[in-house]
Amino acid sequence: MRLGKRLEQLKSMVDSGYDHIWDCCCDHGLLGAALLAECAAPNVHFVDIVSELMQQLEQKLKRFFPRENASQNHSQWHVYCEDISNLQPQELGGKHLIIIAGVGGNLISEFVKNILTKNPTTEIDFLLCPTLHQYTLRQQLIALDLRLKSEVLIADKNRYYEILLVSNLKNSSLKVSATGESIWQAKNAADEKMISAYLLKTLAHYNRVQLNSQLDVRQIIDAYSSVKFTS
């Protein structure tokens, strides 16, 4: 199973120790299937609201991961056709990782808030990769007082992605930054080029919004204008 750069990066950020991993069906469940193949957790759950997609995915899982082999690889898969906001991992107990990617930061913000509201005592990490509205998502994560475990900036097929791994446990003092911190730290010349291009593109976007709409985004422009990347 070949994953693109974005999914490979997401996969690399999944640690062991989770009892349940929830793939909210970015790229038709490819990431969850890869994690299932590696026995990344005892249970891998696939969730999407599109019934046709979930039916197709279930048939593929039956073919490549037959349930009678579950005892051999110590992983089981579960398929749900429902709104991500309605997830209730608290009913299952244990530690959970919920992966949400492939949609905008506004929608991810709603999902995360609703899940936490419905599951206030459950240990949950979120691995998030918004397609846009990264600043909006970060503001929501800050408001929810989630703690940052790691963040990464990547370029894939001429698009840029911020990936954030956050937790509802307060055993870390590292809070989410409004614009990010470690994503602006370049390790080499290629990183520096990518970071510079992403920052310029982000500022250009919000400057266009400020000029061409009724939204006042000067605060966001100021925030990104103050970013200093290091190498």
Foldseek 3Di string as FASTA:
>chain_A
DDDFPVLVVLLVPQAAFFQEEEEQQDPLCPSLVVCQVVCRHLEYEYEEQDVVSQVVSVVVCCVPPNPVCSVVSNHDYYYDNDDLLPDDCVVVATAYEYEDEDAALVVVLSSVVSRCVNHVPGKYKYKYKHQDPPLVNLVSQVVLFWAWPDWEWDAGPNGIIIITITISDPPDPHGRDSVDDCRLEDPDPVSPVVNVVVLVVVLVVVVCCCVPHPDDCVVVNVVSVPDDGYD
